[in-house]
Amino acid sequence: MGTKGKIQAGDANIVDNKGKVIFQYDKSKENNPYQTEHDELFAAIAKGEYKFADAENGAFSSMTSILGRMATYSGQIVEWDKAINCGLDLHPKSYAWDVLPPTLPNAEGFYAVATPGVTKYV
């Protein structure tokens, strides 16, 4: 809603305050970005090109998040290679519906808090 017109969610037209269309979106030129992404990926695979490194980028992104968590929790500078080789294992020891989580609240209902300088990884 503006001083000269309005657009409604889901509508591609902008109308002035009297209802006259002042802009109309041409949906015939609309491209489905998800289809384009797949088309380009499959074409690259067919040509033997490996220009999409999404798995590697995803792994690097995840490890960067883990490094940030480790540094925040420990208050230490955590280097990539040391973090990879530190032996930290956060996955459940067992995958079953009746298994208790590795961290439980204390008698007052509070969970332990990671304390920089006390929590250590490397």
N, C-alpha and C. Protein backbone atom coordinates (compact mmCIF):
# COMPACT_ATOMS: atom_id res chain seq x y z
N MET A 1 0.85 -1.16 0.00
CA MET A 1 0.00 0.00 0.00
C MET A 1 0.90 1.22 0.00
N GLY A 2 0.65 2.11 -0.90
CA GLY A 2 1.43 3.33 -0.97
C GLY A 2 0.55 4.52 -1.27
N THR A 3 1.15 5.68 -1.41
CA THR A 3 0.37 6.90 -1.65
C THR A 3 -0.18 6.96 -3.07
N LYS A 4 0.46 6.23 -4.01
CA LYS A 4 0.02 6.28 -5.41
C LYS A 4 -0.67 5.01 -5.88
N GLY A 5 -0.60 3.95 -5.09
CA GLY A 5 -1.22 2.72 -5.53
C GLY A 5 -1.00 1.59 -4.56
N LYS A 6 -1.33 0.37 -5.02
CA LYS A 6 -1.22 -0.78 -4.13
C LYS A 6 -1.01 -2.05 -4.97
N ILE A 7 -0.51 -3.07 -4.31
CA ILE A 7 -0.39 -4.39 -4.90
C ILE A 7 -0.82 -5.38 -3.83
N GLN A 8 -1.52 -6.40 -4.25
CA GLN A 8 -1.96 -7.41 -3.30
C GLN A 8 -1.06 -8.63 -3.42
N ALA A 9 -0.82 -9.29 -2.31
CA ALA A 9 0.02 -10.48 -2.32
C ALA A 9 -0.55 -11.49 -3.30
N GLY A 10 0.33 -12.03 -4.14
CA GLY A 10 -0.09 -13.01 -5.13
C GLY A 10 -0.56 -12.40 -6.44
N ASP A 11 -0.75 -11.09 -6.47
CA ASP A 11 -1.20 -10.41 -7.68
C ASP A 11 0.01 -9.73 -8.31
N ALA A 12 0.14 -9.84 -9.63
CA ALA A 12 1.30 -9.26 -10.31
C ALA A 12 1.03 -7.84 -10.78
N ASN A 13 -0.15 -7.33 -10.58
CA ASN A 13 -0.48 -6.00 -11.05
C ASN A 13 -0.41 -4.98 -9.91
N ILE A 14 0.03 -3.78 -10.27
CA ILE A 14 -0.02 -2.65 -9.34
C ILE A 14 -1.12 -1.74 -9.84
N VAL A 15 -2.03 -1.37 -8.96
CA VAL A 15 -3.13 -0.49 -9.34
C VAL A 15 -3.07 0.80 -8.55
N ASP A 16 -3.54 1.88 -9.18
CA ASP A 16 -3.57 3.15 -8.46
C ASP A 16 -4.75 3.15 -7.51
N ASN A 17 -4.90 4.23 -6.78
CA ASN A 17 -5.95 4.28 -5.75
C ASN A 17 -7.36 4.28 -6.33
N LYS A 18 -7.49 4.46 -7.66
CA LYS A 18 -8.80 4.41 -8.31
C LYS A 18 -9.06 3.05 -8.95
N GLY A 19 -8.08 2.14 -8.84
CA GLY A 19 -8.26 0.80 -9.39
C GLY A 19 -7.69 0.61 -10.78
N LYS A 20 -7.10 1.65 -11.37
CA LYS A 20 -6.52 1.54 -12.71
C LYS A 20 -5.16 0.84 -12.62
N VAL A 21 -4.94 -0.14 -13.51
CA VAL A 21 -3.66 -0.87 -13.54
C VAL A 21 -2.57 0.07 -14.03
N ILE A 22 -1.53 0.27 -13.20
CA ILE A 22 -0.42 1.12 -13.61
C ILE A 22 0.85 0.31 -13.90
N PHE A 23 0.85 -0.96 -13.54
CA PHE A 23 1.93 -1.87 -13.91
C PHE A 23 1.37 -3.27 -13.96
N GLN A 24 1.72 -3.99 -15.03
CA GLN A 24 1.27 -5.36 -15.17
C GLN A 24 2.48 -6.25 -15.44
N TYR A 25 2.67 -7.23 -14.60
CA TYR A 25 3.80 -8.15 -14.73
C TYR A 25 3.50 -9.16 -15.83
N ASP A 26 4.48 -9.39 -16.69
CA ASP A 26 4.33 -10.34 -17.79
C ASP A 26 4.79 -11.71 -17.34
N LYS A 27 3.85 -12.56 -16.93
CA LYS A 27 4.19 -13.89 -16.43
C LYS A 27 4.70 -14.82 -17.52
N SER A 28 4.46 -14.48 -18.79
CA SER A 28 4.92 -15.34 -19.88
C SER A 28 6.44 -15.40 -19.95
N LYS A 29 7.12 -14.41 -19.41
CA LYS A 29 8.59 -14.38 -19.40
C LYS A 29 9.17 -14.95 -18.12
N GLU A 30 8.30 -15.43 -17.24
CA GLU A 30 8.75 -15.96 -15.96
C GLU A 30 9.48 -17.29 -16.15
N ASN A 31 10.57 -17.44 -15.43
CA ASN A 31 11.38 -18.64 -15.50
C ASN A 31 11.33 -19.33 -14.14
N ASN A 32 11.23 -20.64 -14.15
CA ASN A 32 11.26 -21.39 -12.90
C ASN A 32 12.73 -21.63 -12.55
N PRO A 33 13.26 -20.95 -11.54
CA PRO A 33 14.68 -21.08 -11.22
C PRO A 33 15.08 -22.48 -10.78
N TYR A 34 14.17 -23.23 -10.20
CA TYR A 34 14.48 -24.59 -9.76
C TYR A 34 14.67 -25.51 -10.97
N GLN A 35 13.83 -25.32 -12.00
CA GLN A 35 13.98 -26.11 -13.21
C GLN A 35 15.28 -25.75 -13.92
N THR A 36 15.59 -24.47 -13.99
CA THR A 36 16.83 -24.02 -14.62
C THR A 36 18.04 -24.61 -13.91
N GLU A 37 18.00 -24.62 -12.58
CA GLU A 37 19.10 -25.19 -11.81
C GLU A 37 19.31 -26.66 -12.17
N HIS A 38 18.24 -27.41 -12.26
CA HIS A 38 18.34 -28.82 -12.63
C HIS A 38 18.82 -28.99 -14.07
N ASP A 39 18.30 -28.18 -14.97
CA ASP A 39 18.72 -28.27 -16.37
C ASP A 39 20.22 -28.05 -16.50
N GLU A 40 20.74 -27.05 -15.82
CA GLU A 40 22.18 -26.76 -15.89
C GLU A 40 23.01 -27.85 -15.24
N LEU A 41 22.54 -28.39 -14.13
CA LEU A 41 23.26 -29.47 -13.45
C LEU A 41 23.33 -30.71 -14.34
N PHE A 42 22.20 -31.12 -14.89
CA PHE A 42 22.17 -32.33 -15.72
C PHE A 42 22.98 -32.15 -16.99
N ALA A 43 22.96 -30.95 -17.57
CA ALA A 43 23.76 -30.68 -18.77
C ALA A 43 25.25 -30.79 -18.44
N ALA A 44 25.65 -30.27 -17.30
CA ALA A 44 27.06 -30.33 -16.89
C ALA A 44 27.48 -31.78 -16.66
N ILE A 45 26.64 -32.56 -16.02
CA ILE A 45 26.95 -33.97 -15.78
C ILE A 45 27.10 -34.71 -17.11
N ALA A 46 26.19 -34.45 -18.05
CA ALA A 46 26.24 -35.11 -19.36
C ALA A 46 27.52 -34.77 -20.11
N LYS A 47 28.05 -33.54 -19.91
CA LYS A 47 29.28 -33.12 -20.58
C LYS A 47 30.53 -33.54 -19.82
N GLY A 48 30.34 -34.10 -18.63
CA GLY A 48 31.49 -34.48 -17.81
C GLY A 48 32.12 -33.30 -17.09
N GLU A 49 31.38 -32.22 -16.99
CA GLU A 49 31.87 -31.03 -16.28
C GLU A 49 31.53 -31.15 -14.80
N TYR A 50 32.43 -30.70 -13.99
CA TYR A 50 32.20 -30.74 -12.54
C TYR A 50 32.27 -29.33 -11.98
N LYS A 51 31.42 -28.46 -12.50
CA LYS A 51 31.45 -27.06 -12.06
C LYS A 51 30.55 -26.79 -10.86
N PHE A 52 29.78 -27.80 -10.47
CA PHE A 52 28.91 -27.63 -9.31
C PHE A 52 29.52 -28.38 -8.14
N ALA A 53 30.09 -27.65 -7.20
CA ALA A 53 30.74 -28.27 -6.04
C ALA A 53 29.87 -28.08 -4.80
N ASP A 54 28.59 -28.35 -4.94
CA ASP A 54 27.67 -28.08 -3.84
C ASP A 54 27.94 -28.94 -2.61
N ALA A 55 28.30 -30.20 -2.81
CA ALA A 55 28.56 -31.07 -1.66
C ALA A 55 29.78 -30.58 -0.89
N GLU A 56 30.83 -30.23 -1.61
CA GLU A 56 32.04 -29.74 -0.95
C GLU A 56 31.77 -28.40 -0.26
N ASN A 57 31.06 -27.51 -0.94
CA ASN A 57 30.73 -26.22 -0.33
C ASN A 57 29.86 -26.40 0.90
N GLY A 58 28.93 -27.35 0.84
CA GLY A 58 28.08 -27.63 2.00
C GLY A 58 28.89 -28.16 3.17
N ALA A 59 29.85 -29.04 2.88
CA ALA A 59 30.70 -29.58 3.94
C ALA A 59 31.54 -28.48 4.57
N PHE A 60 32.12 -27.61 3.73
CA PHE A 60 32.91 -26.49 4.27
C PHE A 60 32.06 -25.56 5.12
N SER A 61 30.86 -25.29 4.66
CA SER A 61 29.95 -24.42 5.40
C SER A 61 29.60 -25.03 6.75
N SER A 62 29.29 -26.33 6.76
CA SER A 62 28.97 -27.01 8.02
C SER A 62 30.15 -26.99 8.98
N MET A 63 31.35 -27.25 8.46
CA MET A 63 32.54 -27.27 9.32
C MET A 63 32.84 -25.87 9.85
N THR A 64 32.58 -24.86 9.05
CA THR A 64 32.76 -23.49 9.53
C THR A 64 31.83 -23.20 10.71
N SER A 65 30.60 -23.70 10.63
CA SER A 65 29.67 -23.54 11.75
C SER A 65 30.15 -24.27 12.99
N ILE A 66 30.68 -25.48 12.78
CA ILE A 66 31.21 -26.26 13.90
C ILE A 66 32.39 -25.54 14.54
N LEU A 67 33.28 -24.99 13.71
CA LEU A 67 34.42 -24.22 14.24
C LEU A 67 33.94 -23.04 15.08
N GLY A 68 32.92 -22.34 14.59
CA GLY A 68 32.37 -21.21 15.33
C GLY A 68 31.81 -21.63 16.67
N ARG A 69 31.10 -22.76 16.68
CA ARG A 69 30.55 -23.27 17.93
C ARG A 69 31.66 -23.64 18.90
N MET A 70 32.67 -24.33 18.39
CA MET A 70 33.78 -24.74 19.26
C MET A 70 34.51 -23.53 19.83
N ALA A 71 34.76 -22.53 19.01
CA ALA A 71 35.46 -21.33 19.47
C ALA A 71 34.63 -20.56 20.50
N THR A 72 33.33 -20.46 20.23
CA THR A 72 32.43 -19.75 21.14
C THR A 72 32.33 -20.47 22.48
N TYR A 73 32.15 -21.77 22.44
CA TYR A 73 31.99 -22.54 23.67
C TYR A 73 33.28 -22.60 24.49
N SER A 74 34.42 -22.64 23.81
CA SER A 74 35.68 -22.83 24.54
C SER A 74 36.40 -21.53 24.84
N GLY A 75 36.13 -20.48 24.06
CA GLY A 75 36.88 -19.24 24.21
C GLY A 75 38.28 -19.35 23.63
N GLN A 76 38.54 -20.42 22.88
CA GLN A 76 39.85 -20.66 22.30
C GLN A 76 39.84 -20.33 20.80
N ILE A 77 41.03 -20.11 20.26
CA ILE A 77 41.18 -20.08 18.81
C ILE A 77 41.22 -21.55 18.38
N VAL A 78 40.33 -21.93 17.49
CA VAL A 78 40.24 -23.32 17.06
C VAL A 78 40.61 -23.38 15.59
N GLU A 79 41.68 -24.08 15.30
CA GLU A 79 42.13 -24.21 13.92
C GLU A 79 41.46 -25.40 13.25
N TRP A 80 41.26 -25.28 11.95
CA TRP A 80 40.54 -26.27 11.16
C TRP A 80 41.08 -27.68 11.38
N ASP A 81 42.37 -27.89 11.14
CA ASP A 81 42.95 -29.24 11.24
C ASP A 81 42.85 -29.81 12.66
N LYS A 82 43.06 -28.96 13.65
CA LYS A 82 42.97 -29.44 15.03
C LYS A 82 41.52 -29.81 15.36
N ALA A 83 40.58 -29.04 14.86
CA ALA A 83 39.17 -29.35 15.11
C ALA A 83 38.78 -30.67 14.44
N ILE A 84 39.23 -30.86 13.22
CA ILE A 84 38.91 -32.10 12.49
C ILE A 84 39.45 -33.32 13.24
N ASN A 85 40.62 -33.18 13.86
CA ASN A 85 41.29 -34.31 14.50
C ASN A 85 41.12 -34.38 16.01
N CYS A 86 40.23 -33.55 16.59
CA CYS A 86 40.13 -33.50 18.05
C CYS A 86 39.32 -34.65 18.66
N GLY A 87 38.58 -35.36 17.84
CA GLY A 87 37.81 -36.49 18.37
C GLY A 87 36.44 -36.13 18.91
N LEU A 88 36.02 -34.89 18.75
CA LEU A 88 34.69 -34.48 19.22
C LEU A 88 33.63 -35.31 18.51
N ASP A 89 32.73 -35.87 19.29
CA ASP A 89 31.67 -36.73 18.75
C ASP A 89 30.36 -36.30 19.37
N LEU A 90 29.51 -35.66 18.60
CA LEU A 90 28.24 -35.15 19.13
C LEU A 90 27.04 -36.00 18.74
N HIS A 91 27.26 -37.06 17.99
CA HIS A 91 26.11 -37.86 17.58
C HIS A 91 25.65 -38.75 18.74
N PRO A 92 24.37 -39.12 18.73
CA PRO A 92 23.86 -39.99 19.80
C PRO A 92 24.59 -41.33 19.83
N LYS A 93 24.74 -41.88 20.99
CA LYS A 93 25.41 -43.18 21.13
C LYS A 93 24.51 -44.30 20.63
N SER A 94 23.20 -44.03 20.64
CA SER A 94 22.25 -45.02 20.17
C SER A 94 21.09 -44.28 19.51
N TYR A 95 20.56 -44.86 18.46
CA TYR A 95 19.42 -44.26 17.78
C TYR A 95 18.17 -45.08 18.09
N ALA A 96 17.44 -44.64 19.09
CA ALA A 96 16.21 -45.31 19.50
C ALA A 96 15.31 -44.28 20.17
N TRP A 97 14.03 -44.53 20.14
CA TRP A 97 13.07 -43.58 20.71
C TRP A 97 13.17 -43.46 22.22
N ASP A 98 13.64 -44.49 22.89
CA ASP A 98 13.65 -44.47 24.36
C ASP A 98 14.99 -44.06 24.96
N VAL A 99 15.93 -43.63 24.15
CA VAL A 99 17.26 -43.25 24.64
C VAL A 99 17.21 -41.81 25.18
N LEU A 100 17.82 -41.61 26.33
CA LEU A 100 17.90 -40.27 26.91
C LEU A 100 18.94 -39.44 26.16
N PRO A 101 18.72 -38.15 26.04
CA PRO A 101 19.73 -37.30 25.40
C PRO A 101 20.99 -37.24 26.25
N PRO A 102 22.14 -36.91 25.65
CA PRO A 102 23.39 -36.90 26.40
C PRO A 102 23.45 -35.80 27.47
N THR A 103 22.65 -34.77 27.30
CA THR A 103 22.63 -33.68 28.27
C THR A 103 21.22 -33.55 28.83
N LEU A 104 21.14 -33.55 30.15
CA LEU A 104 19.84 -33.43 30.82
C LEU A 104 19.87 -32.23 31.77
N PRO A 105 18.71 -31.67 32.07
CA PRO A 105 18.68 -30.55 33.02
C PRO A 105 18.99 -31.00 34.44
N ASN A 106 19.44 -30.05 35.26
CA ASN A 106 19.70 -30.36 36.66
C ASN A 106 18.39 -30.39 37.44
N ALA A 107 18.47 -30.50 38.75
CA ALA A 107 17.27 -30.61 39.59
C ALA A 107 16.35 -29.40 39.47
N GLU A 108 16.93 -28.23 39.16
CA GLU A 108 16.12 -27.01 39.01
C GLU A 108 15.57 -26.85 37.59
N GLY A 109 15.93 -27.78 36.70
CA GLY A 109 15.44 -27.72 35.33
C GLY A 109 16.34 -26.97 34.37
N PHE A 110 17.54 -26.61 34.82
CA PHE A 110 18.46 -25.87 33.96
C PHE A 110 19.52 -26.79 33.37
N TYR A 111 19.94 -26.46 32.15
CA TYR A 111 21.00 -27.21 31.49
C TYR A 111 22.35 -26.56 31.77
N ALA A 112 23.40 -27.35 31.73
CA ALA A 112 24.75 -26.81 31.88
C ALA A 112 25.04 -25.83 30.75
N VAL A 113 25.79 -24.82 31.03
CA VAL A 113 26.13 -23.80 30.05
C VAL A 113 27.61 -23.94 29.68
N ALA A 114 27.89 -23.92 28.41
CA ALA A 114 29.29 -23.94 27.98
C ALA A 114 29.95 -22.66 28.48
N THR A 115 31.11 -22.80 29.09
CA THR A 115 31.81 -21.66 29.68
C THR A 115 33.17 -21.48 29.02
N PRO A 116 33.37 -20.39 28.29
CA PRO A 116 34.68 -20.17 27.68
C PRO A 116 35.78 -20.24 28.72
N GLY A 117 36.83 -20.97 28.39
CA GLY A 117 37.93 -21.16 29.32
C GLY A 117 37.81 -22.43 30.14
N VAL A 118 36.59 -22.95 30.26
CA VAL A 118 36.35 -24.19 30.99
C VAL A 118 36.09 -25.32 29.99
N THR A 119 35.20 -25.07 29.05
CA THR A 119 34.93 -26.03 27.99
C THR A 119 36.14 -26.08 27.08
N LYS A 120 36.66 -27.26 26.81
CA LYS A 120 37.87 -27.42 25.99
C LYS A 120 37.63 -28.49 24.94
N TYR A 121 38.20 -28.26 23.76
CA TYR A 121 38.09 -29.21 22.67
C TYR A 121 39.46 -29.68 22.18
N VAL A 122 40.38 -28.73 22.08
CA VAL A 122 41.69 -29.06 21.50
C VAL A 122 42.81 -28.74 22.47
